[in-house]
Amino acid sequence: MNCMKLLSQKLMSCGFDRQTTEPQVRIAILNRFTSLGILITQPVD
């Protein structure tokens, strides 16, 4: 939740449909950043 607040602490959209979509977009961005930062280790033969 703290990372969510770093992107923005309030909703910027006025319409209800857009207000429900905005957090989903933020979560998708956070998930992408997280996936880029996770190391993938592979065993060496």
N, C-alpha and C. Protein backbone atom coordinates (compact mmCIF):
# COMPACT_ATOMS: atom_id res chain seq x y z
N MET A 1 0.83 -1.19 0.00
CA MET A 1 0.00 0.00 0.00
C MET A 1 0.87 1.25 0.00
N ASN A 2 2.01 1.19 0.68
CA ASN A 2 2.91 2.34 0.72
C ASN A 2 3.40 2.68 -0.68
N CYS A 3 3.72 1.67 -1.48
CA CYS A 3 4.17 1.92 -2.85
C CYS A 3 3.05 2.51 -3.68
N MET A 4 1.83 2.11 -3.42
CA MET A 4 0.67 2.67 -4.12
C MET A 4 0.57 4.16 -3.85
N LYS A 5 0.83 4.57 -2.62
CA LYS A 5 0.73 5.97 -2.25
C LYS A 5 1.86 6.78 -2.87
N LEU A 6 3.00 6.15 -3.15
CA LEU A 6 4.11 6.86 -3.76
C LEU A 6 3.76 7.30 -5.19
N LEU A 7 2.96 6.52 -5.89
CA LEU A 7 2.57 6.90 -7.24
C LEU A 7 1.63 8.11 -7.22
N SER A 8 0.73 8.13 -6.28
CA SER A 8 -0.17 9.26 -6.09
C SER A 8 -1.08 8.96 -4.92
N GLN A 9 -1.35 9.96 -4.12
CA GLN A 9 -2.14 9.72 -2.93
C GLN A 9 -3.64 9.89 -3.15
N LYS A 10 -4.03 10.41 -4.30
CA LYS A 10 -5.46 10.58 -4.55
C LYS A 10 -5.78 10.24 -6.00
N LEU A 11 -7.03 9.97 -6.24
CA LEU A 11 -7.48 9.68 -7.60
C LEU A 11 -7.61 10.99 -8.36
N MET A 12 -7.13 10.99 -9.59
CA MET A 12 -7.17 12.20 -10.39
C MET A 12 -8.41 12.24 -11.29
N SER A 13 -9.01 11.10 -11.55
CA SER A 13 -10.15 11.02 -12.47
C SER A 13 -11.44 11.48 -11.80
N CYS A 14 -12.36 11.97 -12.62
CA CYS A 14 -13.65 12.44 -12.10
C CYS A 14 -14.74 11.37 -12.20
N GLY A 15 -14.77 10.64 -13.29
CA GLY A 15 -15.82 9.64 -13.50
C GLY A 15 -15.57 8.37 -12.70
N PHE A 16 -16.66 7.69 -12.31
CA PHE A 16 -16.54 6.48 -11.50
C PHE A 16 -15.80 5.38 -12.24
N ASP A 17 -16.11 5.19 -13.53
CA ASP A 17 -15.44 4.14 -14.31
C ASP A 17 -13.93 4.39 -14.36
N ARG A 18 -13.58 5.63 -14.54
CA ARG A 18 -12.15 5.97 -14.60
C ARG A 18 -11.49 5.84 -13.22
N GLN A 19 -12.25 6.12 -12.16
CA GLN A 19 -11.70 5.98 -10.82
C GLN A 19 -11.44 4.52 -10.48
N THR A 20 -12.23 3.62 -11.02
CA THR A 20 -11.98 2.20 -10.76
C THR A 20 -10.84 1.67 -11.63
N THR A 21 -10.64 2.26 -12.79
CA THR A 21 -9.57 1.82 -13.69
C THR A 21 -8.21 2.35 -13.23
N GLU A 22 -8.18 3.54 -12.66
CA GLU A 22 -6.92 4.18 -12.28
C GLU A 22 -6.09 3.34 -11.29
N PRO A 23 -6.67 2.81 -10.21
CA PRO A 23 -5.86 1.96 -9.32
C PRO A 23 -5.38 0.68 -10.00
N GLN A 24 -6.18 0.13 -10.92
CA GLN A 24 -5.77 -1.07 -11.63
C GLN A 24 -4.54 -0.80 -12.49
N VAL A 25 -4.49 0.36 -13.11
CA VAL A 25 -3.34 0.73 -13.92
C VAL A 25 -2.11 0.91 -13.03
N ARG A 26 -2.30 1.55 -11.89
CA ARG A 26 -1.17 1.74 -10.96
C ARG A 26 -0.63 0.41 -10.46
N ILE A 27 -1.53 -0.51 -10.16
CA ILE A 27 -1.10 -1.83 -9.68
C ILE A 27 -0.36 -2.57 -10.79
N ALA A 28 -0.82 -2.45 -12.03
CA ALA A 28 -0.13 -3.08 -13.16
C ALA A 28 1.29 -2.51 -13.31
N ILE A 29 1.43 -1.21 -13.13
CA ILE A 29 2.76 -0.58 -13.20
C ILE A 29 3.65 -1.09 -12.08
N LEU A 30 3.12 -1.16 -10.87
CA LEU A 30 3.91 -1.67 -9.74
C LEU A 30 4.32 -3.12 -9.95
N ASN A 31 3.41 -3.93 -10.47
CA ASN A 31 3.74 -5.33 -10.74
C ASN A 31 4.84 -5.44 -11.78
N ARG A 32 4.80 -4.58 -12.78
CA ARG A 32 5.84 -4.59 -13.82
C ARG A 32 7.18 -4.20 -13.23
N PHE A 33 7.21 -3.15 -12.42
CA PHE A 33 8.45 -2.73 -11.77
C PHE A 33 9.00 -3.85 -10.88
N THR A 34 8.11 -4.52 -10.18
CA THR A 34 8.53 -5.61 -9.30
C THR A 34 9.12 -6.76 -10.11
N SER A 35 8.46 -7.10 -11.21
CA SER A 35 8.96 -8.21 -12.03
C SER A 35 10.31 -7.88 -12.66
N LEU A 36 10.55 -6.62 -12.97
CA LEU A 36 11.84 -6.23 -13.53
C LEU A 36 12.95 -6.29 -12.48
N GLY A 37 12.59 -6.11 -11.22
CA GLY A 37 13.59 -6.08 -10.16
C GLY A 37 13.90 -7.42 -9.53
N ILE A 38 13.14 -8.46 -9.86
CA ILE A 38 13.35 -9.78 -9.26
C ILE A 38 14.44 -10.51 -10.04
N LEU A 39 15.43 -10.99 -9.32
CA LEU A 39 16.50 -11.75 -9.94
C LEU A 39 16.04 -13.17 -10.26
N ILE A 40 16.42 -13.63 -11.41
CA ILE A 40 16.13 -15.00 -11.80
C ILE A 40 17.44 -15.77 -11.74
N THR A 41 17.51 -16.73 -10.84
CA THR A 41 18.74 -17.51 -10.68
C THR A 41 18.55 -18.88 -11.34
N GLN A 42 19.59 -19.33 -12.01
CA GLN A 42 19.55 -20.62 -12.65
C GLN A 42 20.77 -21.41 -12.19
N PRO A 43 20.59 -22.70 -11.96
CA PRO A 43 21.72 -23.52 -11.55
C PRO A 43 22.72 -23.68 -12.70
N VAL A 44 23.99 -23.70 -12.35
CA VAL A 44 25.04 -23.88 -13.35
C VAL A 44 25.43 -25.36 -13.35
N ASP A 45 25.44 -25.97 -14.53
CA ASP A 45 25.78 -27.39 -14.64
C ASP A 45 27.29 -27.59 -14.68
